[in-house]
Amino acid sequence: YGVAGAEDGGIKFSYYASCSTGGRQGLREIQLHPDS
């Protein structure tokens, strides 16, 4: 999108939505990398 120089690729907010093992993946990611 041509905003490569911006922090986090110009992304204003990052989210996650899933269920089951997908739920585990989201929880584990924010435990290991809280800024994801």
Full PDB file with SEQRES, HELIX, SHEET, SSBOND, CRYST1, ORIGX, SCALE, CONECT and MASTER records, all heavy atoms in Angstrom:
SEQRES   1 A   36  TYR GLY VAL ALA GLY ALA GLU ASP GLY GLY ILE LYS PHE          
SEQRES   2 A   36  SER TYR TYR ALA SER CYS SER THR GLY GLY ARG GLN GLY          
SEQRES   3 A   36  LEU ARG GLU ILE GLN LEU HIS PRO ASP SER                      
HELIX    1 AA1 GLU A    7  GLY A   10  5                                   4    
HELIX    2 AA2 THR A   21  LEU A   32  1                                  12    
CRYST1    1.000    1.000    1.000  90.00  90.00  90.00 P 1           1          
ORIGX1      1.000000  0.000000  0.000000        0.00000                         
ORIGX2      0.000000  1.000000  0.000000        0.00000                         
ORIGX3      0.000000  0.000000  1.000000        0.00000                         
SCALE1      1.000000  0.000000  0.000000        0.00000                         
SCALE2      0.000000  1.000000  0.000000        0.00000                         
SCALE3      0.000000  0.000000  1.000000        0.00000                         
ATOM      1  N   TYR A   1       0.812  -1.221   0.000  1.00  0.00           N  
ATOM      2  CA  TYR A   1       0.000   0.000   0.000  1.00  0.00           C  
ATOM      3  C   TYR A   1       0.849   1.277   0.000  1.00  0.00           C  
ATOM      4  O   TYR A   1       0.319   2.379   0.151  1.00  0.00           O  
ATOM      5  CB  TYR A   1      -0.948   0.006   1.189  1.00  0.00           C  
ATOM      6  CG  TYR A   1      -2.059  -1.021   1.076  1.00  0.00           C  
ATOM      7  CD1 TYR A   1      -2.047  -2.170   1.875  1.00  0.00           C  
ATOM      8  CD2 TYR A   1      -3.098  -0.851   0.170  1.00  0.00           C  
ATOM      9  CE1 TYR A   1      -3.057  -3.117   1.765  1.00  0.00           C  
ATOM     10  CE2 TYR A   1      -4.115  -1.801   0.060  1.00  0.00           C  
ATOM     11  CZ  TYR A   1      -4.078  -2.940   0.855  1.00  0.00           C  
ATOM     12  OH  TYR A   1      -5.078  -3.888   0.747  1.00  0.00           O  
ATOM     13  N   GLY A   2       2.153   1.121  -0.139  1.00  0.00           N  
ATOM     14  CA  GLY A   2       3.015   2.286  -0.270  1.00  0.00           C  
ATOM     15  C   GLY A   2       3.242   3.049   1.012  1.00  0.00           C  
ATOM     16  O   GLY A   2       3.528   4.247   0.985  1.00  0.00           O  
ATOM     17  N   VAL A   3       3.129   2.364   2.158  1.00  0.00           N  
ATOM     18  CA  VAL A   3       3.363   3.026   3.446  1.00  0.00           C  
ATOM     19  C   VAL A   3       4.430   2.258   4.214  1.00  0.00           C  
ATOM     20  O   VAL A   3       4.385   2.152   5.438  1.00  0.00           O  
ATOM     21  CB  VAL A   3       2.056   3.132   4.266  1.00  0.00           C  
ATOM     22  CG1 VAL A   3       1.141   4.177   3.675  1.00  0.00           C  
ATOM     23  CG2 VAL A   3       1.348   1.779   4.361  1.00  0.00           C  
ATOM     24  N   ALA A   4       5.405   1.714   3.485  1.00  0.00           N  
ATOM     25  CA  ALA A   4       6.401   0.836   4.085  1.00  0.00           C  
ATOM     26  C   ALA A   4       7.238   1.518   5.143  1.00  0.00           C  
ATOM     27  O   ALA A   4       7.731   0.877   6.064  1.00  0.00           O  
ATOM     28  CB  ALA A   4       7.312   0.261   3.005  1.00  0.00           C  
ATOM     29  N   GLY A   5       7.421   2.835   5.030  1.00  0.00           N  
ATOM     30  CA  GLY A   5       8.248   3.529   6.006  1.00  0.00           C  
ATOM     31  C   GLY A   5       7.565   3.776   7.318  1.00  0.00           C  
ATOM     32  O   GLY A   5       8.206   4.112   8.313  1.00  0.00           O  
ATOM     33  N   ALA A   6       6.237   3.601   7.344  1.00  0.00           N  
ATOM     34  CA  ALA A   6       5.481   3.861   8.566  1.00  0.00           C  
ATOM     35  C   ALA A   6       5.655   2.725   9.559  1.00  0.00           C  
ATOM     36  O   ALA A   6       5.960   1.589   9.195  1.00  0.00           O  
ATOM     37  CB  ALA A   6       4.005   4.039   8.232  1.00  0.00           C  
ATOM     38  N   GLU A   7       5.473   3.060  10.822  1.00  0.00           N  
ATOM     39  CA  GLU A   7       5.574   2.046  11.866  1.00  0.00           C  
ATOM     40  C   GLU A   7       4.537   0.966  11.637  1.00  0.00           C  
ATOM     41  O   GLU A   7       3.384   1.234  11.296  1.00  0.00           O  
ATOM     42  CB  GLU A   7       5.369   2.686  13.243  1.00  0.00           C  
ATOM     43  CG  GLU A   7       5.558   1.710  14.401  1.00  0.00           C  
ATOM     44  CD  GLU A   7       5.374   2.393  15.753  1.00  0.00           C  
ATOM     45  OE1 GLU A   7       5.167   3.620  15.763  1.00  0.00           O  
ATOM     46  OE2 GLU A   7       5.436   1.700  16.761  1.00  0.00           O  
ATOM     47  N   ASP A   8       4.939  -0.300  11.806  1.00  0.00           N  
ATOM     48  CA  ASP A   8       4.054  -1.446  11.603  1.00  0.00           C  
ATOM     49  C   ASP A   8       3.440  -1.458  10.210  1.00  0.00           C  
ATOM     50  O   ASP A   8       2.304  -1.873  10.012  1.00  0.00           O  
ATOM     51  CB  ASP A   8       2.931  -1.473  12.651  1.00  0.00           C  
ATOM     52  CG  ASP A   8       3.180  -2.545  13.704  1.00  0.00           C  
ATOM     53  OD1 ASP A   8       4.108  -3.349  13.525  1.00  0.00           O  
ATOM     54  OD2 ASP A   8       2.453  -2.571  14.699  1.00  0.00           O  
ATOM     55  N   GLY A   9       4.186  -0.995   9.215  1.00  0.00           N  
ATOM     56  CA  GLY A   9       3.707  -1.049   7.849  1.00  0.00           C  
ATOM     57  C   GLY A   9       2.509  -0.163   7.571  1.00  0.00           C  
ATOM     58  O   GLY A   9       1.727  -0.443   6.660  1.00  0.00           O  
ATOM     59  N   GLY A  10       2.345   0.904   8.337  1.00  0.00           N  
ATOM     60  CA  GLY A  10       1.201   1.790   8.126  1.00  0.00           C  
ATOM     61  C   GLY A  10      -0.098   1.235   8.653  1.00  0.00           C  
ATOM     62  O   GLY A  10      -1.164   1.802   8.403  1.00  0.00           O  
ATOM     63  N   ILE A  11      -0.013   0.129   9.376  1.00  0.00           N  
ATOM     64  CA  ILE A  11      -1.212  -0.492   9.942  1.00  0.00           C  
ATOM     65  C   ILE A  11      -1.581   0.229  11.234  1.00  0.00           C  
ATOM     66  O   ILE A  11      -0.770   0.331  12.154  1.00  0.00           O  
ATOM     67  CB  ILE A  11      -0.954  -1.985  10.227  1.00  0.00           C  
ATOM     68  CG1 ILE A  11      -0.653  -2.723   8.915  1.00  0.00           C  
ATOM     69  CG2 ILE A  11      -2.147  -2.626  10.937  1.00  0.00           C  
ATOM     70  CD1 ILE A  11      -0.079  -4.105   9.105  1.00  0.00           C  
ATOM     71  N   LYS A  12      -2.812   0.714  11.311  1.00  0.00           N  
ATOM     72  CA  LYS A  12      -3.230   1.454  12.497  1.00  0.00           C  
ATOM     73  C   LYS A  12      -3.493   0.532  13.684  1.00  0.00           C  
ATOM     74  O   LYS A  12      -3.152   0.853  14.824  1.00  0.00           O  
ATOM     75  CB  LYS A  12      -4.483   2.272  12.181  1.00  0.00           C  
ATOM     76  CG  LYS A  12      -4.223   3.436  11.230  1.00  0.00           C  
ATOM     77  CD  LYS A  12      -5.484   4.263  11.005  1.00  0.00           C  
ATOM     78  CE  LYS A  12      -5.184   5.470  10.136  1.00  0.00           C  
ATOM     79  NZ  LYS A  12      -6.405   6.278   9.876  1.00  0.00           N  
ATOM     80  N   PHE A  13      -4.135  -0.614  13.416  1.00  0.00           N  
ATOM     81  CA  PHE A  13      -4.431  -1.571  14.483  1.00  0.00           C  
ATOM     82  C   PHE A  13      -4.329  -2.979  13.924  1.00  0.00           C  
ATOM     83  O   PHE A  13      -4.674  -3.231  12.760  1.00  0.00           O  
ATOM     84  CB  PHE A  13      -5.838  -1.349  15.050  1.00  0.00           C  
ATOM     85  CG  PHE A  13      -6.031  -0.014  15.716  1.00  0.00           C  
ATOM     86  CD1 PHE A  13      -6.586   1.043  15.015  1.00  0.00           C  
ATOM     87  CD2 PHE A  13      -5.636   0.181  17.035  1.00  0.00           C  
ATOM     88  CE1 PHE A  13      -6.757   2.286  15.611  1.00  0.00           C  
ATOM     89  CE2 PHE A  13      -5.798   1.414  17.642  1.00  0.00           C  
ATOM     90  CZ  PHE A  13      -6.364   2.467  16.932  1.00  0.00           C  
ATOM     91  N   SER A  14      -3.879  -3.902  14.773  1.00  0.00           N  
ATOM     92  CA  SER A  14      -3.752  -5.306  14.390  1.00  0.00           C  
ATOM     93  C   SER A  14      -4.621  -6.170  15.300  1.00  0.00           C  
ATOM     94  O   SER A  14      -4.610  -5.998  16.528  1.00  0.00           O  
ATOM     95  CB  SER A  14      -2.286  -5.766  14.482  1.00  0.00           C  
ATOM     96  OG  SER A  14      -1.482  -5.073  13.544  1.00  0.00           O  
ATOM     97  N   TYR A  15      -5.341  -7.113  14.688  1.00  0.00           N  
ATOM     98  CA  TYR A  15      -6.299  -7.934  15.425  1.00  0.00           C  
ATOM     99  C   TYR A  15      -6.125  -9.412  15.102  1.00  0.00           C  
ATOM    100  O   TYR A  15      -5.444  -9.785  14.146  1.00  0.00           O  
ATOM    101  CB  TYR A  15      -7.727  -7.501  15.075  1.00  0.00           C  
ATOM    102  CG  TYR A  15      -8.058  -6.088  15.485  1.00  0.00           C  
ATOM    103  CD1 TYR A  15      -8.152  -5.064  14.531  1.00  0.00           C  
ATOM    104  CD2 TYR A  15      -8.277  -5.760  16.815  1.00  0.00           C  
ATOM    105  CE1 TYR A  15      -8.454  -3.765  14.898  1.00  0.00           C  
ATOM    106  CE2 TYR A  15      -8.583  -4.465  17.200  1.00  0.00           C  
ATOM    107  CZ  TYR A  15      -8.661  -3.469  16.240  1.00  0.00           C  
ATOM    108  OH  TYR A  15      -8.970  -2.191  16.613  1.00  0.00           O  
ATOM    109  N   TYR A  16      -6.799 -10.216  15.912  1.00  0.00           N  
ATOM    110  CA  TYR A  16      -6.774 -11.666  15.722  1.00  0.00           C  
ATOM    111  C   TYR A  16      -8.147 -12.218  16.070  1.00  0.00           C  
ATOM    112  O   TYR A  16      -8.759 -11.783  17.058  1.00  0.00           O  
ATOM    113  CB  TYR A  16      -5.715 -12.310  16.629  1.00  0.00           C  
ATOM    114  CG  TYR A  16      -5.565 -13.802  16.431  1.00  0.00           C  
ATOM    115  CD1 TYR A  16      -4.651 -14.309  15.514  1.00  0.00           C  
ATOM    116  CD2 TYR A  16      -6.358 -14.705  17.137  1.00  0.00           C  
ATOM    117  CE1 TYR A  16      -4.514 -15.675  15.316  1.00  0.00           C  
ATOM    118  CE2 TYR A  16      -6.233 -16.072  16.938  1.00  0.00           C  
ATOM    119  CZ  TYR A  16      -5.309 -16.550  16.024  1.00  0.00           C  
ATOM    120  OH  TYR A  16      -5.189 -17.902  15.815  1.00  0.00           O  
ATOM    121  N   ALA A  17      -8.638 -13.169  15.272  1.00  0.00           N  
ATOM    122  CA  ALA A  17      -9.925 -13.807  15.572  1.00  0.00           C  
ATOM    123  C   ALA A  17      -9.897 -15.239  15.078  1.00  0.00           C  
ATOM    124  O   ALA A  17      -9.673 -15.495  13.891  1.00  0.00           O  
ATOM    125  CB  ALA A  17     -11.076 -13.048  14.907  1.00  0.00           C  
ATOM    126  N   SER A  18     -10.101 -16.181  16.009  1.00  0.00           N  
ATOM    127  CA  SER A  18     -10.131 -17.588  15.624  1.00  0.00           C  
ATOM    128  C   SER A  18     -10.644 -18.418  16.795  1.00  0.00           C  
ATOM    129  O   SER A  18     -10.919 -17.888  17.874  1.00  0.00           O  
ATOM    130  CB  SER A  18      -8.742 -18.073  15.187  1.00  0.00           C  
ATOM    131  OG  SER A  18      -8.834 -19.304  14.498  1.00  0.00           O  
ATOM    132  N   CYS A  19     -10.743 -19.730  16.564  1.00  0.00           N  
ATOM    133  CA  CYS A  19     -11.334 -20.615  17.567  1.00  0.00           C  
ATOM    134  C   CYS A  19     -10.528 -21.907  17.670  1.00  0.00           C  
ATOM    135  O   CYS A  19      -9.786 -22.265  16.758  1.00  0.00           O  
ATOM    136  CB  CYS A  19     -12.793 -20.926  17.179  1.00  0.00           C  
ATOM    137  SG  CYS A  19     -13.755 -21.745  18.484  1.00  0.00           S  
ATOM    138  N   SER A  20     -10.648 -22.592  18.802  1.00  0.00           N  
ATOM    139  CA  SER A  20     -10.048 -23.903  19.051  1.00  0.00           C  
ATOM    140  C   SER A  20      -8.522 -23.792  19.071  1.00  0.00           C  
ATOM    141  O   SER A  20      -7.963 -22.963  19.799  1.00  0.00           O  
ATOM    142  CB  SER A  20     -10.532 -24.912  18.008  1.00  0.00           C  
ATOM    143  OG  SER A  20     -10.268 -26.233  18.408  1.00  0.00           O  
ATOM    144  N   THR A  21      -7.808 -24.572  18.243  1.00  0.00           N  
ATOM    145  CA  THR A  21      -6.360 -24.383  18.160  1.00  0.00           C  
ATOM    146  C   THR A  21      -6.049 -22.956  17.724  1.00  0.00           C  
ATOM    147  O   THR A  21      -5.057 -22.357  18.162  1.00  0.00           O  
ATOM    148  CB  THR A  21      -5.738 -25.388  17.178  1.00  0.00           C  
ATOM    149  OG1 THR A  21      -5.713 -26.675  17.802  1.00  0.00           O  
ATOM    150  CG2 THR A  21      -4.315 -25.006  16.805  1.00  0.00           C  
ATOM    151  N   GLY A  22      -6.917 -22.390  16.897  1.00  0.00           N  
ATOM    152  CA  GLY A  22      -6.753 -20.992  16.524  1.00  0.00           C  
ATOM    153  C   GLY A  22      -6.806 -20.076  17.730  1.00  0.00           C  
ATOM    154  O   GLY A  22      -6.103 -19.064  17.784  1.00  0.00           O  
ATOM    155  N   GLY A  23      -7.638 -20.411  18.714  1.00  0.00           N  
ATOM    156  CA  GLY A  23      -7.671 -19.641  19.947  1.00  0.00           C  
ATOM    157  C   GLY A  23      -6.361 -19.737  20.704  1.00  0.00           C  
ATOM    158  O   GLY A  23      -5.840 -18.751  21.231  1.00  0.00           O  
ATOM    159  N   ARG A  24      -5.812 -20.952  20.761  1.00  0.00           N  
ATOM    160  CA  ARG A  24      -4.501 -21.134  21.409  1.00  0.00           C  
ATOM    161  C   ARG A  24      -3.428 -20.322  20.713  1.00  0.00           C  
ATOM    162  O   ARG A  24      -2.590 -19.672  21.356  1.00  0.00           O  
ATOM    163  CB  ARG A  24      -4.107 -22.621  21.398  1.00  0.00           C  
ATOM    164  CG  ARG A  24      -2.697 -22.851  21.961  1.00  0.00           C  
ATOM    165  CD  ARG A  24      -2.160 -24.224  21.660  1.00  0.00           C  
ATOM    166  NE  ARG A  24      -1.937 -24.474  20.256  1.00  0.00           N  
ATOM    167  CZ  ARG A  24      -0.915 -24.012  19.540  1.00  0.00           C  
ATOM    168  NH1 ARG A  24      -0.012 -23.220  20.107  1.00  0.00           N  
ATOM    169  NH2 ARG A  24      -0.797 -24.304  18.267  1.00  0.00           N  
ATOM    170  N   GLN A  25      -3.444 -20.345  19.385  1.00  0.00           N  
ATOM    171  CA  GLN A  25      -2.417 -19.620  18.632  1.00  0.00           C  
ATOM    172  C   GLN A  25      -2.432 -18.128  18.952  1.00  0.00           C  
ATOM    173  O   GLN A  25      -1.379 -17.506  19.120  1.00  0.00           O  
ATOM    174  CB  GLN A  25      -2.639 -19.829  17.135  1.00  0.00           C  
ATOM    175  CG  GLN A  25      -2.344 -21.239  16.650  1.00  0.00           C  
ATOM    176  CD  GLN A  25      -2.808 -21.427  15.214  1.00  0.00           C  
ATOM    177  OE1 GLN A  25      -3.982 -21.236  14.890  1.00  0.00           O  
ATOM    178  NE2 GLN A  25      -1.897 -21.803  14.343  1.00  0.00           N  
ATOM    179  N   GLY A  26      -3.626 -17.550  19.025  1.00  0.00           N  
ATOM    180  CA  GLY A  26      -3.720 -16.126  19.325  1.00  0.00           C  
ATOM    181  C   GLY A  26      -3.231 -15.801  20.716  1.00  0.00           C  
ATOM    182  O   GLY A  26      -2.495 -14.822  20.926  1.00  0.00           O  
ATOM    183  N   LEU A  27      -3.620 -16.624  21.691  1.00  0.00           N  
ATOM    184  CA  LEU A  27      -3.178 -16.396  23.064  1.00  0.00           C  
ATOM    185  C   LEU A  27      -1.671 -16.564  23.197  1.00  0.00           C  
ATOM    186  O   LEU A  27      -1.001 -15.780  23.884  1.00  0.00           O  
ATOM    187  CB  LEU A  27      -3.899 -17.361  24.005  1.00  0.00           C  
ATOM    188  CG  LEU A  27      -5.387 -17.097  24.234  1.00  0.00           C  
ATOM    189  CD1 LEU A  27      -6.026 -18.287  24.955  1.00  0.00           C  
ATOM    190  CD2 LEU A  27      -5.603 -15.822  25.031  1.00  0.00           C  
ATOM    191  N   ARG A  28      -1.135 -17.586  22.546  1.00  0.00           N  
ATOM    192  CA  ARG A  28       0.311 -17.823  22.659  1.00  0.00           C  
ATOM    193  C   ARG A  28       1.099 -16.685  22.012  1.00  0.00           C  
ATOM    194  O   ARG A  28       2.154 -16.272  22.524  1.00  0.00           O  
ATOM    195  CB  ARG A  28       0.682 -19.153  21.998  1.00  0.00           C  
ATOM    196  CG  ARG A  28       2.126 -19.600  22.318  1.00  0.00           C  
ATOM    197  CD  ARG A  28       2.285 -19.858  23.779  1.00  0.00           C  
ATOM    198  NE  ARG A  28       3.641 -20.258  24.147  1.00  0.00           N  
ATOM    199  CZ  ARG A  28       4.302 -19.756  25.169  1.00  0.00           C  
ATOM    200  NH1 ARG A  28       3.751 -18.806  25.933  1.00  0.00           N  
ATOM    201  NH2 ARG A  28       5.518 -20.183  25.472  1.00  0.00           N  
ATOM    202  N   GLU A  29       0.598 -16.167  20.903  1.00  0.00           N  
ATOM    203  CA  GLU A  29       1.303 -15.083  20.219  1.00  0.00           C  
ATOM    204  C   GLU A  29       1.408 -13.844  21.099  1.00  0.00           C  
ATOM    205  O   GLU A  29       2.473 -13.231  21.192  1.00  0.00           O  
ATOM    206  CB  GLU A  29       0.603 -14.742  18.898  1.00  0.00           C  
ATOM    207  CG  GLU A  29       1.254 -13.619  18.111  1.00  0.00           C  
ATOM    208  CD  GLU A  29       2.637 -13.945  17.562  1.00  0.00           C  
ATOM    209  OE1 GLU A  29       3.039 -15.137  17.580  1.00  0.00           O  
ATOM    210  OE2 GLU A  29       3.332 -13.012  17.115  1.00  0.00           O  
ATOM    211  N   ILE A  30       0.329 -13.465  21.776  1.00  0.00           N  
ATOM    212  CA  ILE A  30       0.401 -12.242  22.584  1.00  0.00           C  
ATOM    213  C   ILE A  30       1.152 -12.477  23.892  1.00  0.00           C  
ATOM    214  O   ILE A  30       1.637 -11.523  24.505  1.00  0.00           O  
ATOM    215  CB  ILE A  30      -0.997 -11.647  22.872  1.00  0.00           C  
ATOM    216  CG1 ILE A  30      -1.877 -12.635  23.635  1.00  0.00           C  
ATOM    217  CG2 ILE A  30      -1.636 -11.178  21.577  1.00  0.00           C  
ATOM    218  CD1 ILE A  30      -3.215 -12.050  24.064  1.00  0.00           C  
ATOM    219  N   GLN A  31       1.273 -13.744  24.321  1.00  0.00           N  
ATOM    220  CA  GLN A  31       2.103 -14.030  25.484  1.00  0.00           C  
ATOM    221  C   GLN A  31       3.579 -13.895  25.144  1.00  0.00           C  
ATOM    222  O   GLN A  31       4.363 -13.356  25.928  1.00  0.00           O  
ATOM    223  CB  GLN A  31       1.800 -15.446  26.007  1.00  0.00           C  
ATOM    224  CG  GLN A  31       0.430 -15.575  26.653  1.00  0.00           C  
ATOM    225  CD  GLN A  31       0.063 -17.010  26.966  1.00  0.00           C  
ATOM    226  OE1 GLN A  31       0.832 -17.943  26.711  1.00  0.00           O  
ATOM    227  NE2 GLN A  31      -1.126 -17.214  27.530  1.00  0.00           N  
ATOM    228  N   LEU A  32       3.959 -14.370  23.964  1.00  0.00           N  
ATOM    229  CA  LEU A  32       5.362 -14.308  23.541  1.00  0.00           C  
ATOM    230  C   LEU A  32       5.725 -12.959  22.929  1.00  0.00           C  
ATOM    231  O   LEU A  32       6.854 -12.490  23.078  1.00  0.00           O  
ATOM    232  CB  LEU A  32       5.642 -15.419  22.531  1.00  0.00           C  
ATOM    233  CG  LEU A  32       5.592 -16.859  23.052  1.00  0.00           C  
ATOM    234  CD1 LEU A  32       5.653 -17.846  21.900  1.00  0.00           C  
ATOM    235  CD2 LEU A  32       6.729 -17.124  24.033  1.00  0.00           C  
ATOM    236  N   HIS A  33       4.754 -12.339  22.251  1.00  0.00           N  
ATOM    237  CA  HIS A  33       5.014 -11.096  21.515  1.00  0.00           C  
ATOM    238  C   HIS A  33       3.829 -10.157  21.728  1.00  0.00           C  
ATOM    239  O   HIS A  33       2.921 -10.076  20.879  1.00  0.00           O  
ATOM    240  CB  HIS A  33       5.210 -11.392  20.028  1.00  0.00           C  
ATOM    241  CG  HIS A  33       6.218 -12.475  19.766  1.00  0.00           C  
ATOM    242  ND1 HIS A  33       7.579 -12.259  19.838  1.00  0.00           N  
ATOM    243  CD2 HIS A  33       6.048 -13.792  19.460  1.00  0.00           C  
ATOM    244  CE1 HIS A  33       8.220 -13.392  19.571  1.00  0.00           C  
ATOM    245  NE2 HIS A  33       7.320 -14.332  19.335  1.00  0.00           N  
ATOM    246  N   PRO A  34       3.786  -9.456  22.835  1.00  0.00           N  
ATOM    247  CA  PRO A  34       2.605  -8.656  23.175  1.00  0.00           C  
ATOM    248  C   PRO A  34       2.295  -7.519  22.212  1.00  0.00           C  
ATOM    249  O   PRO A  34       1.195  -6.971  22.249  1.00  0.00           O  
ATOM    250  CB  PRO A  34       2.952  -8.110  24.574  1.00  0.00           C  
ATOM    251  CG  PRO A  34       4.428  -8.226  24.702  1.00  0.00           C  
ATOM    252  CD  PRO A  34       4.815  -9.420  23.901  1.00  0.00           C  
ATOM    253  N   ASP A  35       3.249  -7.172  21.341  1.00  0.00           N  
ATOM    254  CA  ASP A  35       2.992  -6.086  20.395  1.00  0.00           C  
ATOM    255  C   ASP A  35       2.423  -6.578  19.070  1.00  0.00           C  
ATOM    256  O   ASP A  35       2.178  -5.770  18.164  1.00  0.00           O  
ATOM    257  CB  ASP A  35       4.269  -5.289  20.137  1.00  0.00           C  
ATOM    258  CG  ASP A  35       5.402  -6.153  19.598  1.00  0.00           C  
ATOM    259  OD1 ASP A  35       5.316  -7.402  19.706  1.00  0.00           O  
ATOM    260  OD2 ASP A  35       6.378  -5.587  19.069  1.00  0.00           O  
ATOM    261  N   SER A  36       2.181  -7.891  18.939  1.00  0.00           N  
ATOM    262  CA  SER A  36       1.678  -8.404  17.657  1.00  0.00           C  
ATOM    263  C   SER A  36       0.251  -7.961  17.370  1.00  0.00           C  
ATOM    264  O   SER A  36      -0.084  -7.604  16.241  1.00  0.00           O  
ATOM    265  CB  SER A  36       1.752  -9.939  17.629  1.00  0.00           C  
ATOM    266  OG  SER A  36       3.079 -10.380  17.476  1.00  0.00           O  
TER     267      SER A  36                                                      
MASTER        0    0    0    2    0    0    0    6  266    1    0    3          
END                                                                             
